[in-house]
């Protein structure tokens, strides 16, 4: 079985900056979603504990 060929993607400095900017935006969005889920679970758990 042969190994698949790896393609090297070459970017201009401007394309690289845009790629990194989009990656940062995506990372922040994922962080906010995860924090939202953590807060949701915390609030649900707290409500269940205080209800009895």
PDB file of N, CA and C in Angstrom:
ATOM      1  N   UNK A   1       0.851  -1.172   0.000  1.00  0.00           N
ATOM      2  CA  UNK A   1       0.000   0.000   0.000  1.00  0.00           C
ATOM      3  C   UNK A   1       0.898   1.236   0.000  1.00  0.00           C
ATOM      4  N   UNK A   2       0.571   2.177  -0.831  1.00  0.00           N
ATOM      5  CA  UNK A   2       1.403   3.379  -0.915  1.00  0.00           C
ATOM      6  C   UNK A   2       0.840   4.481  -0.034  1.00  0.00           C
ATOM      7  N   UNK A   3       1.726   5.331   0.423  1.00  0.00           N
ATOM      8  CA  UNK A   3       1.346   6.469   1.266  1.00  0.00           C
ATOM      9  C   UNK A   3       0.724   7.561   0.389  1.00  0.00           C
ATOM     10  N   UNK A   4      -0.304   8.240   0.892  1.00  0.00           N
ATOM     11  CA  UNK A   4      -0.860   9.356   0.110  1.00  0.00           C
ATOM     12  C   UNK A   4       0.133  10.510   0.057  1.00  0.00           C
ATOM     13  N   UNK A   5       0.118  11.206  -1.052  1.00  0.00           N
ATOM     14  CA  UNK A   5       1.029  12.340  -1.191  1.00  0.00           C
ATOM     15  C   UNK A   5       0.550  13.507  -0.339  1.00  0.00           C
ATOM     16  N   UNK A   6       1.503  14.189   0.271  1.00  0.00           N
ATOM     17  CA  UNK A   6       1.170  15.369   1.062  1.00  0.00           C
ATOM     18  C   UNK A   6       1.348  16.599   0.187  1.00  0.00           C
ATOM     19  N   UNK A   7       0.360  17.455   0.224  1.00  0.00           N
ATOM     20  CA  UNK A   7       0.447  18.683  -0.547  1.00  0.00           C
ATOM     21  C   UNK A   7       0.904  19.815   0.363  1.00  0.00           C
ATOM     22  N   UNK A   8       1.808  20.605  -0.139  1.00  0.00           N
ATOM     23  CA  UNK A   8       2.286  21.765   0.597  1.00  0.00           C
ATOM     24  C   UNK A   8       1.486  22.971   0.123  1.00  0.00           C
ATOM     25  N   UNK A   9       0.849  23.635   1.065  1.00  0.00           N
ATOM     26  CA  UNK A   9       0.057  24.814   0.725  1.00  0.00           C
ATOM     27  C   UNK A   9       0.913  26.046   0.981  1.00  0.00           C
ATOM     28  N   UNK A  10       1.119  26.804  -0.051  1.00  0.00           N
ATOM     29  CA  UNK A  10       1.914  28.021   0.081  1.00  0.00           C
ATOM     30  C   UNK A  10       0.971  29.217   0.118  1.00  0.00           C
ATOM     31  N   UNK A  11       1.218  30.090   1.093  1.00  0.00           N
ATOM     32  CA  UNK A  11       0.382  31.276   1.241  1.00  0.00           C
ATOM     33  C   UNK A  11       1.250  32.519   1.225  1.00  0.00           C
ATOM     34  N   UNK A  12       0.672  33.568   0.706  1.00  0.00           N
ATOM     35  CA  UNK A  12       1.354  34.854   0.777  1.00  0.00           C
ATOM     36  C   UNK A  12       1.239  35.350   2.220  1.00  0.00           C
ATOM     37  N   UNK A  13       2.072  36.290   2.620  1.00  0.00           N
ATOM     38  CA  UNK A  13       1.959  36.817   3.993  1.00  0.00           C
ATOM     39  C   UNK A  13       0.565  37.362   4.303  1.00  0.00           C
ATOM     40  N   UNK A  14      -0.073  37.988   3.314  1.00  0.00           N
ATOM     41  CA  UNK A  14      -1.419  38.518   3.534  1.00  0.00           C
ATOM     42  C   UNK A  14      -2.418  37.379   3.745  1.00  0.00           C
ATOM     43  N   UNK A  15      -2.314  36.323   2.944  1.00  0.00           N
ATOM     44  CA  UNK A  15      -3.201  35.167   3.106  1.00  0.00           C
ATOM     45  C   UNK A  15      -2.973  34.502   4.458  1.00  0.00           C
ATOM     46  N   UNK A  16      -1.716  34.443   4.867  1.00  0.00           N
ATOM     47  CA  UNK A  16      -1.375  33.837   6.163  1.00  0.00           C
ATOM     48  C   UNK A  16      -2.001  34.629   7.313  1.00  0.00           C
ATOM     49  N   UNK A  17      -1.921  35.963   7.258  1.00  0.00           N
ATOM     50  CA  UNK A  17      -2.529  36.799   8.298  1.00  0.00           C
ATOM     51  C   UNK A  17      -4.040  36.595   8.344  1.00  0.00           C
ATOM     52  N   UNK A  18      -4.663  36.534   7.165  1.00  0.00           N
ATOM     53  CA  UNK A  18      -6.108  36.325   7.102  1.00  0.00           C
ATOM     54  C   UNK A  18      -6.478  34.953   7.671  1.00  0.00           C
ATOM     55  N   UNK A  19      -5.689  33.935   7.337  1.00  0.00           N
ATOM     56  CA  UNK A  19      -5.920  32.587   7.853  1.00  0.00           C
ATOM     57  C   UNK A  19      -5.824  32.575   9.378  1.00  0.00           C
ATOM     58  N   UNK A  20      -4.797  33.209   9.926  1.00  0.00           N
ATOM     59  CA  UNK A  20      -4.612  33.248  11.375  1.00  0.00           C
ATOM     60  C   UNK A  20      -5.711  34.065  12.055  1.00  0.00           C
ATOM     61  N   UNK A  21      -6.165  35.145  11.416  1.00  0.00           N
ATOM     62  CA  UNK A  21      -7.253  35.953  11.967  1.00  0.00           C
ATOM     63  C   UNK A  21      -8.533  35.126  12.056  1.00  0.00           C
ATOM     64  N   UNK A  22      -8.830  34.393  10.996  1.00  0.00           N
ATOM     65  CA  UNK A  22     -10.026  33.544  11.011  1.00  0.00           C
ATOM     66  C   UNK A  22      -9.911  32.438  12.047  1.00  0.00           C
ATOM     67  N   UNK A  23      -8.719  31.881  12.199  1.00  0.00           N
ATOM     68  CA  UNK A  23      -8.513  30.834  13.205  1.00  0.00           C
ATOM     69  C   UNK A  23      -8.756  31.384  14.606  1.00  0.00           C
ATOM     70  N   UNK A  24      -8.241  32.586  14.879  1.00  0.00           N
ATOM     71  CA  UNK A  24      -8.465  33.200  16.194  1.00  0.00           C
ATOM     72  C   UNK A  24      -9.950  33.443  16.437  1.00  0.00           C
ATOM     73  N   UNK A  25     -10.648  33.932  15.417  1.00  0.00           N
ATOM     74  CA  UNK A  25     -12.088  34.162  15.566  1.00  0.00           C
ATOM     75  C   UNK A  25     -12.818  32.855  15.860  1.00  0.00           C
ATOM     76  N   UNK A  26     -12.456  31.800  15.155  1.00  0.00           N
ATOM     77  CA  UNK A  26     -13.084  30.497  15.371  1.00  0.00           C
ATOM     78  C   UNK A  26     -12.776  29.986  16.775  1.00  0.00           C
ATOM     79  N   UNK A  27     -11.537  30.167  17.215  1.00  0.00           N
ATOM     80  CA  UNK A  27     -11.165  29.720  18.561  1.00  0.00           C
ATOM     81  C   UNK A  27     -11.952  30.472  19.631  1.00  0.00           C
ATOM     82  N   UNK A  28     -12.129  31.785  19.457  1.00  0.00           N
ATOM     83  CA  UNK A  28     -12.917  32.564  20.419  1.00  0.00           C
ATOM     84  C   UNK A  28     -14.372  32.107  20.424  1.00  0.00           C
ATOM     85  N   UNK A  29     -14.907  31.818  19.248  1.00  0.00           N
ATOM     86  CA  UNK A  29     -16.296  31.354  19.160  1.00  0.00           C
ATOM     87  C   UNK A  29     -16.461  30.015  19.881  1.00  0.00           C
ATOM     88  N   UNK A  30     -15.509  29.118  19.691  1.00  0.00           N
ATOM     89  CA  UNK A  30     -15.568  27.815  20.366  1.00  0.00           C
ATOM     90  C   UNK A  30     -15.468  28.003  21.872  1.00  0.00           C
ATOM     91  N   UNK A  31     -14.583  28.897  22.319  1.00  0.00           N
ATOM     92  CA  UNK A  31     -14.448  29.175  23.748  1.00  0.00           C
ATOM     93  C   UNK A  31     -15.767  29.675  24.330  1.00  0.00           C
ATOM     94  N   UNK A  32     -16.415  30.604  23.638  1.00  0.00           N
ATOM     95  CA  UNK A  32     -17.680  31.144  24.136  1.00  0.00           C
ATOM     96  C   UNK A  32     -18.761  30.068  24.204  1.00  0.00           C
ATOM     97  N   UNK A  33     -18.810  29.200  23.212  1.00  0.00           N
ATOM     98  CA  UNK A  33     -19.799  28.117  23.222  1.00  0.00           C
ATOM     99  C   UNK A  33     -19.532  27.174  24.394  1.00  0.00           C
ATOM    100  N   UNK A  34     -18.272  26.812  24.609  1.00  0.00           N
ATOM    101  CA  UNK A  34     -17.939  25.913  25.718  1.00  0.00           C
ATOM    102  C   UNK A  34     -18.251  26.550  27.070  1.00  0.00           C
ATOM    103  N   UNK A  35     -17.935  27.830  27.222  1.00  0.00           N
ATOM    104  CA  UNK A  35     -18.259  28.520  28.470  1.00  0.00           C
ATOM    105  C   UNK A  35     -19.767  28.597  28.669  1.00  0.00           C
ATOM    106  N   UNK A  36     -20.494  28.802  27.584  1.00  0.00           N
ATOM    107  CA  UNK A  36     -21.953  28.819  27.665  1.00  0.00           C
ATOM    108  C   UNK A  36     -22.506  27.484  28.137  1.00  0.00           C
ATOM    109  N   UNK A  37     -21.977  26.386  27.592  1.00  0.00           N
ATOM    110  CA  UNK A  37     -22.413  25.063  28.029  1.00  0.00           C
ATOM    111  C   UNK A  37     -22.070  24.830  29.500  1.00  0.00           C
ATOM    112  N   UNK A  38     -20.872  25.240  29.909  1.00  0.00           N
ATOM    113  CA  UNK A  38     -20.477  25.067  31.305  1.00  0.00           C
ATOM    114  C   UNK A  38     -21.418  25.854  32.219  1.00  0.00           C
ATOM    115  N   UNK A  39     -21.739  27.079  31.840  1.00  0.00           N
ATOM    116  CA  UNK A  39     -22.661  27.893  32.631  1.00  0.00           C
ATOM    117  C   UNK A  39     -24.049  27.259  32.672  1.00  0.00           C
ATOM    118  N   UNK A  40     -24.506  26.753  31.543  1.00  0.00           N
ATOM    119  CA  UNK A  40     -25.812  26.097  31.483  1.00  0.00           C
ATOM    120  C   UNK A  40     -25.863  24.895  32.424  1.00  0.00           C
ATOM    121  N   UNK A  41     -24.838  24.036  32.369  1.00  0.00           N
ATOM    122  CA  UNK A  41     -24.799  22.871  33.258  1.00  0.00           C
ATOM    123  C   UNK A  41     -24.740  23.290  34.720  1.00  0.00           C
ATOM    124  N   UNK A  42     -23.974  24.347  35.012  1.00  0.00           N
ATOM    125  CA  UNK A  42     -23.879  24.834  36.381  1.00  0.00           C
ATOM    126  C   UNK A  42     -25.237  25.319  36.879  1.00  0.00           C
ATOM    127  N   UNK A  43     -25.922  26.099  36.056  1.00  0.00           N
ATOM    128  CA  UNK A  43     -27.223  26.630  36.467  1.00  0.00           C
ATOM    129  C   UNK A  43     -28.255  25.518  36.638  1.00  0.00           C
ATOM    130  N   UNK A  44     -28.258  24.554  35.737  1.00  0.00           N
ATOM    131  CA  UNK A  44     -29.194  23.431  35.864  1.00  0.00           C
ATOM    132  C   UNK A  44     -28.893  22.631  37.121  1.00  0.00           C
ATOM    133  N   UNK A  45     -27.614  22.358  37.367  1.00  0.00           N
ATOM    134  CA  UNK A  45     -27.229  21.598  38.565  1.00  0.00           C
ATOM    135  C   UNK A  45     -27.589  22.360  39.833  1.00  0.00           C
ATOM    136  N   UNK A  46     -27.335  23.662  39.842  1.00  0.00           N
ATOM    137  CA  UNK A  46     -27.662  24.473  41.014  1.00  0.00           C
ATOM    138  C   UNK A  46     -29.162  24.475  41.267  1.00  0.00           C
ATOM    139  N   UNK A  47     -29.945  24.596  40.219  1.00  0.00           N
ATOM    140  CA  UNK A  47     -31.399  24.603  40.372  1.00  0.00           C
ATOM    141  C   UNK A  47     -31.884  23.273  40.936  1.00  0.00           C
ATOM    142  N   UNK A  48     -31.299  22.185  40.488  1.00  0.00           N
ATOM    143  CA  UNK A  48     -31.720  20.870  40.978  1.00  0.00           C
ATOM    144  C   UNK A  48     -31.342  20.687  42.447  1.00  0.00           C
ATOM    145  N   UNK A  49     -30.171  21.196  42.836  1.00  0.00           N
ATOM    146  CA  UNK A  49     -29.726  21.062  44.225  1.00  0.00           C
ATOM    147  C   UNK A  49     -30.620  21.893  45.139  1.00  0.00           C
ATOM    148  N   UNK A  50     -30.917  23.126  44.741  1.00  0.00           N
ATOM    149  CA  UNK A  50     -31.721  23.996  45.599  1.00  0.00           C
ATOM    150  C   UNK A  50     -33.185  23.580  45.659  1.00  0.00           C
ATOM    151  N   UNK A  51     -33.658  22.902  44.637  1.00  0.00           N
ATOM    152  CA  UNK A  51     -35.037  22.411  44.648  1.00  0.00           C
ATOM    153  C   UNK A  51     -35.193  21.225  45.592  1.00  0.00           C
ATOM    154  N   UNK A  52     -34.129  20.478  45.721  1.00  0.00           N
ATOM    155  CA  UNK A  52     -34.197  19.346  46.640  1.00  0.00           C
ATOM    156  C   UNK A  52     -34.219  18.107  45.922  1.00  0.00           C
TER     157      UNK A  52
END
